[in-house]
Amino acid sequence: MKFTVVASAVVSTLLFATSSVEAHVTANPSIAVSGAYLQTNFRVPHGCDGNATDMVIIEVPKGVTSVKPRAVVPWNTTINMIPLDVPIVTSTSTVNTTVGSVVYSNGLLLDSMYEDFGMQFKLPVMEGALYWRVYQHCVNNAWNNWTEVPDASGKTTGFPAPVITVSNASTTTTTTTSADSTGSTNKSNAATGGFQVLGFVHIVLVGAGSLLMAMV
């Protein structure tokens, strides 16, 4: 019985650490190539102090075009258009507007659950951090405004904005090549990306489960 309590404590601690990692709204994946198309998901991991979420607003950064949100059933999806500073002219047409924000409403996301709000778009030609403002409304009429960006010292206060790190194609290719040369272990780590922590917890949980089964 003594060992069972210890094993359970380890599992509880690791689960708490995992939930802390996912405590903010994040973009998944969060690494992209300048000027390329990207499909990512903005993950809302919890509610407002235990209250369920009933609306999510994703504001599209300037320069991001060809935006198309993914339908999330049973949420209603509203696409708000804004004028382009510089129209996009093609051989067949001229585009004068772009998506300024996407509103997901009339849904209900419990605090004990998470949801991915997907979106595909074309990135601007740039390098560095591309921050997205996400506004989360809950049934108690509270707001979590995920809009804060790091200051000059790199610190963020309040609710941090989701970020996509954009680099040019040559930089991305170089990084991939370097990762391949380090062997299969690093390949596996690179493939799992931000889920390395979850993978570690899974292994430990299996180990803890085996210990508990052995003791029964």
N, C-alpha and C. Protein backbone atom coordinates (compact mmCIF):
# COMPACT_ATOMS: atom_id res chain seq x y z
N MET A 1 0.83 -1.20 0.00
CA MET A 1 0.00 0.00 0.00
C MET A 1 0.87 1.25 0.00
N LYS A 2 1.97 1.19 0.73
CA LYS A 2 2.87 2.34 0.81
C LYS A 2 3.40 2.70 -0.56
N PHE A 3 3.79 1.66 -1.33
CA PHE A 3 4.34 1.92 -2.66
C PHE A 3 3.26 2.42 -3.62
N THR A 4 2.04 1.98 -3.42
CA THR A 4 0.93 2.43 -4.26
C THR A 4 0.72 3.94 -4.10
N VAL A 5 0.78 4.44 -2.91
CA VAL A 5 0.61 5.87 -2.63
C VAL A 5 1.72 6.66 -3.29
N VAL A 6 2.95 6.17 -3.21
CA VAL A 6 4.09 6.87 -3.82
C VAL A 6 3.92 6.93 -5.32
N ALA A 7 3.54 5.80 -5.94
CA ALA A 7 3.36 5.78 -7.39
C ALA A 7 2.26 6.73 -7.81
N SER A 8 1.15 6.76 -7.07
CA SER A 8 0.04 7.66 -7.40
C SER A 8 0.47 9.11 -7.29
N ALA A 9 1.30 9.43 -6.30
CA ALA A 9 1.78 10.80 -6.13
C ALA A 9 2.62 11.22 -7.31
N VAL A 10 3.46 10.29 -7.81
CA VAL A 10 4.30 10.60 -8.97
C VAL A 10 3.44 10.89 -10.18
N VAL A 11 2.42 10.05 -10.39
CA VAL A 11 1.52 10.25 -11.53
C VAL A 11 0.80 11.58 -11.43
N SER A 12 0.28 11.92 -10.24
CA SER A 12 -0.44 13.18 -10.06
C SER A 12 0.45 14.37 -10.32
N THR A 13 1.69 14.30 -9.86
CA THR A 13 2.63 15.41 -10.07
C THR A 13 2.92 15.61 -11.54
N LEU A 14 3.10 14.50 -12.26
CA LEU A 14 3.41 14.60 -13.68
C LEU A 14 2.23 15.11 -14.47
N LEU A 15 1.02 14.70 -14.10
CA LEU A 15 -0.17 15.21 -14.77
C LEU A 15 -0.32 16.69 -14.55
N PHE A 16 -0.02 17.16 -13.36
CA PHE A 16 -0.11 18.59 -13.07
C PHE A 16 0.90 19.36 -13.90
N ALA A 17 2.11 18.81 -14.03
CA ALA A 17 3.15 19.47 -14.83
C ALA A 17 2.75 19.55 -16.28
N THR A 18 2.10 18.47 -16.79
CA THR A 18 1.66 18.46 -18.17
C THR A 18 0.60 19.52 -18.42
N SER A 19 -0.37 19.66 -17.51
CA SER A 19 -1.43 20.66 -17.69
C SER A 19 -0.85 22.06 -17.63
N SER A 20 0.22 22.26 -16.86
CA SER A 20 0.83 23.58 -16.77
C SER A 20 1.48 23.98 -18.08
N VAL A 21 2.03 22.97 -18.77
CA VAL A 21 2.68 23.25 -20.05
C VAL A 21 1.65 23.79 -21.04
N GLU A 22 0.42 23.28 -20.99
CA GLU A 22 -0.62 23.66 -21.93
C GLU A 22 -1.56 24.71 -21.34
N ALA A 23 -1.07 25.56 -20.45
CA ALA A 23 -1.93 26.50 -19.73
C ALA A 23 -2.36 27.69 -20.56
N HIS A 24 -1.70 27.95 -21.68
CA HIS A 24 -2.01 29.13 -22.49
C HIS A 24 -2.59 28.72 -23.84
N VAL A 25 -3.25 29.67 -24.50
CA VAL A 25 -3.68 29.44 -25.88
C VAL A 25 -2.42 29.42 -26.76
N THR A 26 -2.29 28.39 -27.57
CA THR A 26 -1.10 28.22 -28.40
C THR A 26 -1.49 27.89 -29.84
N ALA A 27 -0.55 28.13 -30.76
CA ALA A 27 -0.70 27.72 -32.15
C ALA A 27 0.05 26.41 -32.34
N ASN A 28 -0.60 25.42 -32.95
CA ASN A 28 0.00 24.10 -33.15
C ASN A 28 -0.27 23.60 -34.57
N PRO A 29 0.77 23.57 -35.44
CA PRO A 29 2.17 23.86 -35.20
C PRO A 29 2.44 25.37 -35.11
N SER A 30 3.63 25.72 -34.62
CA SER A 30 3.96 27.12 -34.39
C SER A 30 5.22 27.55 -35.12
N ILE A 31 5.68 26.74 -36.08
CA ILE A 31 6.87 27.07 -36.88
C ILE A 31 6.48 27.03 -38.34
N ALA A 32 6.86 28.06 -39.11
CA ALA A 32 6.42 28.14 -40.50
C ALA A 32 7.48 28.81 -41.36
N VAL A 33 7.25 28.74 -42.68
CA VAL A 33 8.17 29.31 -43.67
C VAL A 33 7.61 30.62 -44.21
N SER A 34 8.44 31.60 -44.31
CA SER A 34 8.05 32.93 -44.80
C SER A 34 7.39 32.84 -46.18
N GLY A 35 6.24 33.51 -46.32
CA GLY A 35 5.55 33.57 -47.60
C GLY A 35 4.83 32.30 -48.01
N ALA A 36 4.83 31.29 -47.15
CA ALA A 36 4.21 30.01 -47.48
C ALA A 36 2.82 29.90 -46.89
N TYR A 37 2.09 28.86 -47.30
CA TYR A 37 0.80 28.56 -46.71
C TYR A 37 1.00 27.70 -45.47
N LEU A 38 0.13 27.88 -44.49
CA LEU A 38 0.23 27.12 -43.25
C LEU A 38 -1.16 26.76 -42.75
N GLN A 39 -1.30 25.55 -42.23
CA GLN A 39 -2.51 25.15 -41.53
C GLN A 39 -2.11 24.93 -40.07
N THR A 40 -2.76 25.64 -39.17
CA THR A 40 -2.45 25.50 -37.76
C THR A 40 -3.73 25.49 -36.94
N ASN A 41 -3.62 25.13 -35.68
CA ASN A 41 -4.77 25.11 -34.77
C ASN A 41 -4.48 25.98 -33.56
N PHE A 42 -5.42 26.82 -33.22
CA PHE A 42 -5.30 27.63 -32.01
C PHE A 42 -6.03 26.88 -30.90
N ARG A 43 -5.24 26.39 -29.96
CA ARG A 43 -5.78 25.51 -28.92
C ARG A 43 -6.18 26.30 -27.68
N VAL A 44 -7.44 26.16 -27.30
CA VAL A 44 -7.95 26.76 -26.06
C VAL A 44 -7.97 25.64 -25.02
N PRO A 45 -7.09 25.70 -24.01
CA PRO A 45 -6.91 24.56 -23.11
C PRO A 45 -7.77 24.55 -21.85
N HIS A 46 -8.43 25.66 -21.56
CA HIS A 46 -9.24 25.73 -20.34
C HIS A 46 -10.20 26.90 -20.42
N GLY A 47 -11.07 27.02 -19.40
CA GLY A 47 -12.05 28.11 -19.37
C GLY A 47 -11.55 29.31 -18.59
N CYS A 48 -12.47 30.04 -17.99
CA CYS A 48 -12.15 31.22 -17.19
C CYS A 48 -12.43 30.90 -15.72
N ASP A 49 -11.38 30.60 -14.99
CA ASP A 49 -11.52 30.26 -13.56
C ASP A 49 -12.56 29.16 -13.35
N GLY A 50 -12.49 28.14 -14.18
CA GLY A 50 -13.40 27.01 -14.03
C GLY A 50 -14.67 27.10 -14.83
N ASN A 51 -14.96 28.25 -15.43
CA ASN A 51 -16.19 28.43 -16.20
C ASN A 51 -15.98 28.06 -17.67
N ALA A 52 -17.04 27.55 -18.30
CA ALA A 52 -16.97 27.11 -19.68
C ALA A 52 -16.82 28.28 -20.65
N THR A 53 -16.19 28.00 -21.79
CA THR A 53 -16.00 28.99 -22.85
C THR A 53 -17.15 28.92 -23.83
N ASP A 54 -17.70 30.09 -24.22
CA ASP A 54 -18.80 30.09 -25.19
C ASP A 54 -18.52 30.94 -26.43
N MET A 55 -17.34 31.59 -26.48
CA MET A 55 -16.99 32.35 -27.68
C MET A 55 -15.47 32.52 -27.76
N VAL A 56 -14.95 32.40 -28.96
CA VAL A 56 -13.51 32.59 -29.20
C VAL A 56 -13.36 33.49 -30.43
N ILE A 57 -12.59 34.55 -30.29
CA ILE A 57 -12.33 35.47 -31.40
C ILE A 57 -10.84 35.42 -31.73
N ILE A 58 -10.53 35.13 -32.97
CA ILE A 58 -9.14 35.10 -33.42
C ILE A 58 -8.91 36.26 -34.38
N GLU A 59 -8.04 37.18 -33.99
CA GLU A 59 -7.73 38.34 -34.82
C GLU A 59 -6.55 38.01 -35.73
N VAL A 60 -6.72 38.26 -37.01
CA VAL A 60 -5.69 37.91 -37.99
C VAL A 60 -4.65 39.03 -38.08
N PRO A 61 -3.37 38.71 -37.93
CA PRO A 61 -2.34 39.75 -38.02
C PRO A 61 -2.25 40.37 -39.42
N LYS A 62 -1.81 41.59 -39.45
CA LYS A 62 -1.65 42.30 -40.71
C LYS A 62 -0.64 41.58 -41.59
N GLY A 63 -0.97 41.43 -42.87
CA GLY A 63 -0.07 40.77 -43.81
C GLY A 63 -0.43 39.32 -44.07
N VAL A 64 -1.24 38.73 -43.20
CA VAL A 64 -1.70 37.35 -43.40
C VAL A 64 -2.92 37.37 -44.31
N THR A 65 -2.88 36.59 -45.39
CA THR A 65 -3.96 36.60 -46.39
C THR A 65 -4.45 35.18 -46.67
N SER A 66 -5.43 35.10 -47.56
CA SER A 66 -6.01 33.81 -47.98
C SER A 66 -6.44 32.97 -46.77
N VAL A 67 -7.08 33.63 -45.82
CA VAL A 67 -7.47 32.97 -44.58
C VAL A 67 -8.74 32.15 -44.78
N LYS A 68 -8.71 30.93 -44.29
CA LYS A 68 -9.89 30.07 -44.35
C LYS A 68 -9.98 29.28 -43.03
N PRO A 69 -10.97 29.57 -42.17
CA PRO A 69 -11.11 28.84 -40.91
C PRO A 69 -11.73 27.47 -41.12
N ARG A 70 -11.43 26.58 -40.19
CA ARG A 70 -12.03 25.25 -40.20
C ARG A 70 -13.33 25.29 -39.41
N ALA A 71 -14.34 24.63 -39.93
CA ALA A 71 -15.61 24.56 -39.22
C ALA A 71 -15.46 23.68 -37.98
N VAL A 72 -15.91 24.20 -36.84
CA VAL A 72 -15.86 23.44 -35.59
C VAL A 72 -17.30 23.22 -35.12
N VAL A 73 -17.78 22.01 -35.28
CA VAL A 73 -19.16 21.67 -34.91
C VAL A 73 -19.24 21.49 -33.39
N PRO A 74 -20.26 22.08 -32.74
CA PRO A 74 -21.44 22.77 -33.28
C PRO A 74 -21.31 24.30 -33.23
N TRP A 75 -20.11 24.83 -33.14
CA TRP A 75 -19.92 26.27 -33.04
C TRP A 75 -20.34 26.98 -34.33
N ASN A 76 -20.87 28.20 -34.18
CA ASN A 76 -21.12 29.07 -35.34
C ASN A 76 -19.82 29.80 -35.68
N THR A 77 -19.57 29.94 -36.97
CA THR A 77 -18.35 30.61 -37.43
C THR A 77 -18.71 31.85 -38.22
N THR A 78 -18.17 33.00 -37.78
CA THR A 78 -18.40 34.27 -38.47
C THR A 78 -17.07 34.81 -38.96
N ILE A 79 -16.99 35.12 -40.26
CA ILE A 79 -15.77 35.65 -40.86
C ILE A 79 -15.96 37.15 -41.11
N ASN A 80 -15.13 37.96 -40.48
CA ASN A 80 -15.22 39.41 -40.65
C ASN A 80 -14.14 39.90 -41.62
N MET A 81 -14.57 40.58 -42.65
CA MET A 81 -13.65 41.06 -43.69
C MET A 81 -13.25 42.52 -43.43
N ILE A 82 -12.02 42.85 -43.83
CA ILE A 82 -11.51 44.22 -43.75
C ILE A 82 -10.83 44.57 -45.07
N PRO A 83 -10.71 45.87 -45.41
CA PRO A 83 -10.04 46.25 -46.66
C PRO A 83 -8.54 45.96 -46.60
N LEU A 84 -7.99 45.59 -47.74
CA LEU A 84 -6.54 45.42 -47.86
C LEU A 84 -5.87 46.77 -48.08
N ASP A 85 -4.74 47.00 -47.44
CA ASP A 85 -3.99 48.24 -47.68
C ASP A 85 -3.53 48.30 -49.13
N VAL A 86 -3.08 47.14 -49.62
CA VAL A 86 -2.63 47.04 -51.01
C VAL A 86 -3.38 45.87 -51.64
N PRO A 87 -4.24 46.13 -52.62
CA PRO A 87 -4.99 45.04 -53.27
C PRO A 87 -4.06 44.00 -53.89
N ILE A 88 -4.54 42.76 -53.89
CA ILE A 88 -3.79 41.67 -54.52
C ILE A 88 -4.32 41.50 -55.94
N VAL A 89 -3.44 41.73 -56.91
CA VAL A 89 -3.84 41.66 -58.31
C VAL A 89 -3.29 40.38 -58.93
N THR A 90 -4.18 39.58 -59.52
CA THR A 90 -3.78 38.37 -60.23
C THR A 90 -4.12 38.53 -61.71
N SER A 91 -3.84 37.52 -62.48
CA SER A 91 -4.12 37.57 -63.92
C SER A 91 -5.62 37.55 -64.21
N THR A 92 -6.41 37.13 -63.24
CA THR A 92 -7.85 37.01 -63.48
C THR A 92 -8.72 37.92 -62.61
N SER A 93 -8.17 38.45 -61.51
CA SER A 93 -9.00 39.24 -60.63
C SER A 93 -8.16 40.13 -59.72
N THR A 94 -8.86 41.01 -59.00
CA THR A 94 -8.23 41.87 -58.01
C THR A 94 -8.94 41.66 -56.67
N VAL A 95 -8.16 41.36 -55.64
CA VAL A 95 -8.71 41.12 -54.31
C VAL A 95 -8.52 42.37 -53.46
N ASN A 96 -9.62 42.93 -52.97
CA ASN A 96 -9.56 44.18 -52.21
C ASN A 96 -9.75 44.00 -50.71
N THR A 97 -10.19 42.82 -50.30
CA THR A 97 -10.46 42.59 -48.87
C THR A 97 -9.74 41.34 -48.39
N THR A 98 -9.63 41.23 -47.08
CA THR A 98 -9.05 40.04 -46.46
C THR A 98 -9.76 39.80 -45.13
N VAL A 99 -9.52 38.65 -44.55
CA VAL A 99 -10.16 38.31 -43.28
C VAL A 99 -9.46 39.06 -42.15
N GLY A 100 -10.25 39.82 -41.38
CA GLY A 100 -9.69 40.56 -40.26
C GLY A 100 -9.78 39.79 -38.95
N SER A 101 -10.85 38.99 -38.81
CA SER A 101 -11.01 38.18 -37.61
C SER A 101 -12.02 37.07 -37.88
N VAL A 102 -11.92 36.04 -37.06
CA VAL A 102 -12.86 34.92 -37.12
C VAL A 102 -13.47 34.75 -35.74
N VAL A 103 -14.80 34.66 -35.68
CA VAL A 103 -15.50 34.53 -34.41
C VAL A 103 -16.19 33.17 -34.35
N TYR A 104 -15.85 32.39 -33.32
CA TYR A 104 -16.54 31.13 -33.04
C TYR A 104 -17.48 31.39 -31.86
N SER A 105 -18.77 31.19 -32.07
CA SER A 105 -19.76 31.52 -31.02
C SER A 105 -20.80 30.42 -30.88
N ASN A 106 -21.64 30.57 -29.85
CA ASN A 106 -22.74 29.64 -29.57
C ASN A 106 -22.26 28.20 -29.39
N GLY A 107 -21.06 28.07 -28.83
CA GLY A 107 -20.55 26.76 -28.47
C GLY A 107 -20.44 26.67 -26.97
N LEU A 108 -20.00 25.54 -26.48
CA LEU A 108 -19.80 25.37 -25.04
C LEU A 108 -18.62 24.43 -24.83
N LEU A 109 -17.51 25.01 -24.38
CA LEU A 109 -16.29 24.25 -24.12
C LEU A 109 -16.05 24.23 -22.62
N LEU A 110 -16.24 23.08 -22.00
CA LEU A 110 -16.08 22.96 -20.56
C LEU A 110 -14.64 23.21 -20.14
N ASP A 111 -14.46 23.68 -18.93
CA ASP A 111 -13.12 23.96 -18.41
C ASP A 111 -12.27 22.71 -18.37
N SER A 112 -12.89 21.54 -18.26
CA SER A 112 -12.17 20.27 -18.18
C SER A 112 -11.78 19.73 -19.55
N MET A 113 -12.11 20.46 -20.62
CA MET A 113 -11.82 20.00 -21.98
C MET A 113 -11.04 21.07 -22.74
N TYR A 114 -10.50 20.69 -23.92
CA TYR A 114 -9.84 21.65 -24.79
C TYR A 114 -10.43 21.53 -26.18
N GLU A 115 -10.20 22.55 -27.00
CA GLU A 115 -10.64 22.52 -28.39
C GLU A 115 -9.60 23.18 -29.27
N ASP A 116 -9.45 22.67 -30.49
CA ASP A 116 -8.57 23.25 -31.49
C ASP A 116 -9.41 23.99 -32.53
N PHE A 117 -9.14 25.26 -32.70
CA PHE A 117 -9.82 26.07 -33.70
C PHE A 117 -8.86 26.25 -34.88
N GLY A 118 -9.12 25.49 -35.94
CA GLY A 118 -8.17 25.42 -37.06
C GLY A 118 -8.32 26.55 -38.05
N MET A 119 -7.20 26.85 -38.71
CA MET A 119 -7.20 27.92 -39.71
C MET A 119 -6.05 27.69 -40.69
N GLN A 120 -6.32 27.93 -41.97
CA GLN A 120 -5.24 27.91 -42.95
C GLN A 120 -5.14 29.28 -43.59
N PHE A 121 -3.91 29.66 -43.99
CA PHE A 121 -3.68 31.01 -44.49
C PHE A 121 -2.32 31.08 -45.16
N LYS A 122 -2.07 32.23 -45.81
CA LYS A 122 -0.77 32.49 -46.41
C LYS A 122 -0.03 33.50 -45.56
N LEU A 123 1.20 33.16 -45.21
CA LEU A 123 2.01 34.03 -44.36
C LEU A 123 2.64 35.17 -45.15
N PRO A 124 2.89 36.30 -44.52
CA PRO A 124 3.60 37.38 -45.20
C PRO A 124 5.09 37.02 -45.35
N VAL A 125 5.77 37.75 -46.19
CA VAL A 125 7.22 37.57 -46.33
C VAL A 125 7.88 38.30 -45.16
N MET A 126 8.39 37.54 -44.22
CA MET A 126 8.95 38.11 -42.99
C MET A 126 9.77 37.03 -42.28
N GLU A 127 10.46 37.44 -41.26
CA GLU A 127 11.14 36.50 -40.37
C GLU A 127 10.94 36.96 -38.94
N GLY A 128 10.79 36.00 -38.04
CA GLY A 128 10.63 36.34 -36.63
C GLY A 128 9.29 35.90 -36.09
N ALA A 129 8.89 36.53 -35.00
CA ALA A 129 7.67 36.15 -34.29
C ALA A 129 6.45 36.85 -34.88
N LEU A 130 5.42 36.07 -35.17
CA LEU A 130 4.15 36.60 -35.66
C LEU A 130 3.10 36.31 -34.58
N TYR A 131 2.69 37.35 -33.87
CA TYR A 131 1.76 37.19 -32.76
C TYR A 131 0.31 37.31 -33.21
N TRP A 132 -0.54 36.48 -32.62
CA TRP A 132 -1.97 36.47 -32.92
C TRP A 132 -2.73 36.84 -31.65
N ARG A 133 -3.71 37.71 -31.77
CA ARG A 133 -4.54 38.07 -30.62
C ARG A 133 -5.78 37.18 -30.60
N VAL A 134 -5.98 36.52 -29.47
CA VAL A 134 -7.13 35.63 -29.30
C VAL A 134 -7.91 36.08 -28.07
N TYR A 135 -9.21 36.22 -28.23
CA TYR A 135 -10.08 36.66 -27.14
C TYR A 135 -11.03 35.52 -26.78
N GLN A 136 -11.03 35.15 -25.51
CA GLN A 136 -11.83 34.03 -25.03
C GLN A 136 -12.90 34.54 -24.06
N HIS A 137 -14.17 34.27 -24.38
CA HIS A 137 -15.29 34.70 -23.53
C HIS A 137 -15.92 33.48 -22.88
N CYS A 138 -16.29 33.62 -21.61
CA CYS A 138 -16.85 32.50 -20.87
C CYS A 138 -18.27 32.80 -20.39
N VAL A 139 -18.95 31.75 -19.93
CA VAL A 139 -20.37 31.86 -19.58
C VAL A 139 -20.62 32.78 -18.38
N ASN A 140 -19.58 33.06 -17.60
CA ASN A 140 -19.74 33.98 -16.47
C ASN A 140 -19.47 35.42 -16.87
N ASN A 141 -19.43 35.65 -18.21
CA ASN A 141 -19.20 36.97 -18.80
C ASN A 141 -17.77 37.50 -18.56
N ALA A 142 -16.85 36.59 -18.27
CA ALA A 142 -15.44 36.96 -18.11
C ALA A 142 -14.70 36.79 -19.43
N TRP A 143 -13.62 37.54 -19.58
CA TRP A 143 -12.79 37.47 -20.78
C TRP A 143 -11.36 37.09 -20.40
N ASN A 144 -10.78 36.18 -21.17
CA ASN A 144 -9.34 35.94 -21.16
C ASN A 144 -8.81 36.50 -22.47
N ASN A 145 -8.12 37.64 -22.42
CA ASN A 145 -7.60 38.27 -23.64
C ASN A 145 -6.14 37.87 -23.83
N TRP A 146 -5.94 36.92 -24.74
CA TRP A 146 -4.59 36.41 -25.01
C TRP A 146 -3.92 37.33 -26.03
N THR A 147 -3.43 38.46 -25.54
CA THR A 147 -2.94 39.52 -26.44
C THR A 147 -1.57 40.07 -26.06
N GLU A 148 -1.02 39.64 -24.94
CA GLU A 148 0.23 40.24 -24.46
C GLU A 148 1.44 39.67 -25.19
N VAL A 149 2.37 40.56 -25.56
CA VAL A 149 3.61 40.14 -26.23
C VAL A 149 4.79 40.47 -25.32
N PRO A 150 5.92 39.79 -25.52
CA PRO A 150 7.08 40.03 -24.64
C PRO A 150 7.59 41.46 -24.72
N ASP A 151 8.09 41.96 -23.59
CA ASP A 151 8.69 43.30 -23.58
C ASP A 151 10.15 43.20 -24.01
N ALA A 152 10.89 44.29 -23.87
CA ALA A 152 12.28 44.33 -24.33
C ALA A 152 13.16 43.29 -23.64
N SER A 153 12.78 42.91 -22.41
CA SER A 153 13.57 41.92 -21.66
C SER A 153 13.13 40.49 -21.94
N GLY A 154 12.07 40.35 -22.78
CA GLY A 154 11.58 39.01 -23.12
C GLY A 154 10.53 38.48 -22.19
N LYS A 155 10.08 39.29 -21.21
CA LYS A 155 9.08 38.85 -20.25
C LYS A 155 7.67 39.22 -20.73
N THR A 156 6.73 38.35 -20.42
CA THR A 156 5.33 38.57 -20.78
C THR A 156 4.48 38.56 -19.52
N THR A 157 3.65 39.57 -19.37
CA THR A 157 2.73 39.62 -18.23
C THR A 157 1.31 39.37 -18.71
N GLY A 158 0.46 38.92 -17.82
CA GLY A 158 -0.93 38.71 -18.20
C GLY A 158 -1.10 37.46 -19.05
N PHE A 159 -1.92 37.57 -20.09
CA PHE A 159 -2.23 36.44 -20.95
C PHE A 159 -1.40 36.54 -22.24
N PRO A 160 -0.41 35.68 -22.44
CA PRO A 160 0.46 35.77 -23.61
C PRO A 160 -0.26 35.43 -24.91
N ALA A 161 0.04 36.19 -25.96
CA ALA A 161 -0.55 35.94 -27.27
C ALA A 161 0.10 34.72 -27.91
N PRO A 162 -0.67 33.90 -28.61
CA PRO A 162 -0.08 32.79 -29.36
C PRO A 162 0.90 33.34 -30.40
N VAL A 163 1.95 32.59 -30.68
CA VAL A 163 2.98 33.07 -31.61
C VAL A 163 3.34 31.98 -32.59
N ILE A 164 3.57 32.40 -33.83
CA ILE A 164 4.11 31.52 -34.87
C ILE A 164 5.47 32.08 -35.26
N THR A 165 6.49 31.25 -35.18
CA THR A 165 7.84 31.67 -35.54
C THR A 165 8.07 31.42 -37.03
N VAL A 166 8.36 32.50 -37.75
CA VAL A 166 8.49 32.43 -39.20
C VAL A 166 9.96 32.59 -39.59
N SER A 167 10.44 31.72 -40.47
CA SER A 167 11.81 31.81 -40.98
C SER A 167 11.79 31.59 -42.48
N ASN A 168 12.89 31.95 -43.15
CA ASN A 168 12.91 31.74 -44.60
C ASN A 168 13.19 30.28 -44.91
N ALA A 169 12.96 29.90 -46.16
CA ALA A 169 13.06 28.49 -46.55
C ALA A 169 14.45 27.93 -46.35
N SER A 170 15.49 28.71 -46.65
CA SER A 170 16.86 28.21 -46.53
C SER A 170 17.21 27.93 -45.07
N THR A 171 16.74 28.79 -44.16
CA THR A 171 16.99 28.56 -42.74
C THR A 171 16.30 27.30 -42.26
N THR A 172 15.06 27.13 -42.70
CA THR A 172 14.30 25.95 -42.30
C THR A 172 14.94 24.68 -42.83
N THR A 173 15.41 24.71 -44.08
CA THR A 173 16.06 23.54 -44.68
C THR A 173 17.34 23.20 -43.94
N THR A 174 18.12 24.22 -43.60
CA THR A 174 19.37 24.00 -42.88
C THR A 174 19.12 23.35 -41.53
N THR A 175 18.13 23.83 -40.84
CA THR A 175 17.80 23.27 -39.53
C THR A 175 17.39 21.82 -39.65
N THR A 176 16.58 21.49 -40.66
CA THR A 176 16.14 20.11 -40.86
C THR A 176 17.32 19.21 -41.17
N THR A 177 18.24 19.67 -42.03
CA THR A 177 19.40 18.88 -42.40
C THR A 177 20.27 18.61 -41.18
N SER A 178 20.45 19.62 -40.35
CA SER A 178 21.24 19.46 -39.15
C SER A 178 20.63 18.45 -38.21
N ALA A 179 19.31 18.48 -38.09
CA ALA A 179 18.63 17.54 -37.21
C ALA A 179 18.79 16.12 -37.73
N ASP A 180 18.75 15.93 -39.06
CA ASP A 180 18.88 14.60 -39.63
C ASP A 180 20.26 14.01 -39.35
N SER A 181 21.27 14.85 -39.29
CA SER A 181 22.63 14.36 -39.14
C SER A 181 22.95 13.94 -37.72
N THR A 182 22.08 14.24 -36.76
CA THR A 182 22.36 13.92 -35.37
C THR A 182 21.88 12.54 -34.98
N GLY A 183 21.19 11.85 -35.88
CA GLY A 183 20.80 10.47 -35.58
C GLY A 183 19.33 10.33 -35.32
N SER A 184 18.90 9.06 -35.16
CA SER A 184 17.48 8.76 -35.05
C SER A 184 16.86 9.31 -33.79
N THR A 185 17.64 9.43 -32.71
CA THR A 185 17.07 9.93 -31.46
C THR A 185 16.59 11.35 -31.62
N ASN A 186 17.43 12.20 -32.20
CA ASN A 186 17.03 13.59 -32.40
C ASN A 186 15.94 13.71 -33.45
N LYS A 187 15.93 12.79 -34.41
CA LYS A 187 14.84 12.80 -35.40
C LYS A 187 13.51 12.61 -34.69
N SER A 188 13.49 11.67 -33.76
CA SER A 188 12.26 11.42 -33.02
C SER A 188 11.85 12.62 -32.20
N ASN A 189 12.82 13.27 -31.55
CA ASN A 189 12.53 14.46 -30.75
C ASN A 189 12.01 15.58 -31.62
N ALA A 190 12.62 15.77 -32.80
CA ALA A 190 12.19 16.85 -33.69
C ALA A 190 10.78 16.60 -34.19
N ALA A 191 10.47 15.33 -34.45
CA ALA A 191 9.14 15.00 -34.98
C ALA A 191 8.06 15.26 -33.96
N THR A 192 8.34 14.99 -32.69
CA THR A 192 7.32 15.18 -31.67
C THR A 192 7.20 16.62 -31.23
N GLY A 193 8.28 17.43 -31.40
CA GLY A 193 8.23 18.85 -31.10
C GLY A 193 7.76 19.09 -29.69
N GLY A 194 6.70 19.92 -29.54
CA GLY A 194 6.22 20.31 -28.23
C GLY A 194 5.59 19.17 -27.45
N PHE A 195 5.46 17.98 -28.07
CA PHE A 195 4.82 16.87 -27.37
C PHE A 195 5.82 15.97 -26.68
N GLN A 196 7.11 16.40 -26.60
CA GLN A 196 8.10 15.58 -25.92
C GLN A 196 7.72 15.39 -24.45
N VAL A 197 7.19 16.43 -23.82
CA VAL A 197 6.81 16.33 -22.42
C VAL A 197 5.70 15.32 -22.24
N LEU A 198 4.72 15.34 -23.16
CA LEU A 198 3.61 14.40 -23.07
C LEU A 198 4.10 12.98 -23.26
N GLY A 199 5.06 12.80 -24.19
CA GLY A 199 5.62 11.49 -24.41
C GLY A 199 6.31 10.97 -23.17
N PHE A 200 7.04 11.83 -22.47
CA PHE A 200 7.72 11.46 -21.24
C PHE A 200 6.72 11.04 -20.18
N VAL A 201 5.66 11.82 -20.07
CA VAL A 201 4.64 11.51 -19.06
C VAL A 201 4.00 10.17 -19.37
N HIS A 202 3.76 9.90 -20.66
CA HIS A 202 3.13 8.65 -21.06
C HIS A 202 3.99 7.47 -20.62
N ILE A 203 5.30 7.58 -20.83
CA ILE A 203 6.20 6.49 -20.46
C ILE A 203 6.17 6.27 -18.95
N VAL A 204 6.22 7.38 -18.21
CA VAL A 204 6.21 7.27 -16.76
C VAL A 204 4.90 6.70 -16.26
N LEU A 205 3.80 7.12 -16.89
CA LEU A 205 2.50 6.61 -16.48
C LEU A 205 2.40 5.11 -16.73
N VAL A 206 2.94 4.66 -17.86
CA VAL A 206 2.94 3.24 -18.15
C VAL A 206 3.75 2.51 -17.10
N GLY A 207 4.91 3.10 -16.76
CA GLY A 207 5.76 2.49 -15.75
C GLY A 207 5.05 2.44 -14.41
N ALA A 208 4.39 3.53 -14.05
CA ALA A 208 3.68 3.57 -12.78
C ALA A 208 2.53 2.57 -12.79
N GLY A 209 1.85 2.47 -13.93
CA GLY A 209 0.75 1.52 -14.04
C GLY A 209 1.23 0.09 -13.87
N SER A 210 2.39 -0.22 -14.46
CA SER A 210 2.95 -1.54 -14.33
C SER A 210 3.27 -1.85 -12.90
N LEU A 211 3.81 -0.84 -12.18
CA LEU A 211 4.13 -1.03 -10.78
C LEU A 211 2.87 -1.34 -9.98
N LEU A 212 1.81 -0.59 -10.25
CA LEU A 212 0.56 -0.81 -9.52
C LEU A 212 -0.02 -2.20 -9.83
N MET A 213 0.07 -2.60 -11.07
CA MET A 213 -0.46 -3.91 -11.45
C MET A 213 0.35 -5.02 -10.79
N ALA A 214 1.65 -4.79 -10.67
CA ALA A 214 2.51 -5.79 -10.08
C ALA A 214 2.19 -5.99 -8.61
N MET A 215 1.74 -4.89 -7.97
CA MET A 215 1.48 -4.96 -6.54
C MET A 215 0.11 -5.58 -6.23
N VAL A 216 -0.79 -5.57 -7.24
CA VAL A 216 -2.14 -6.11 -7.00
C VAL A 216 -2.08 -7.64 -6.88
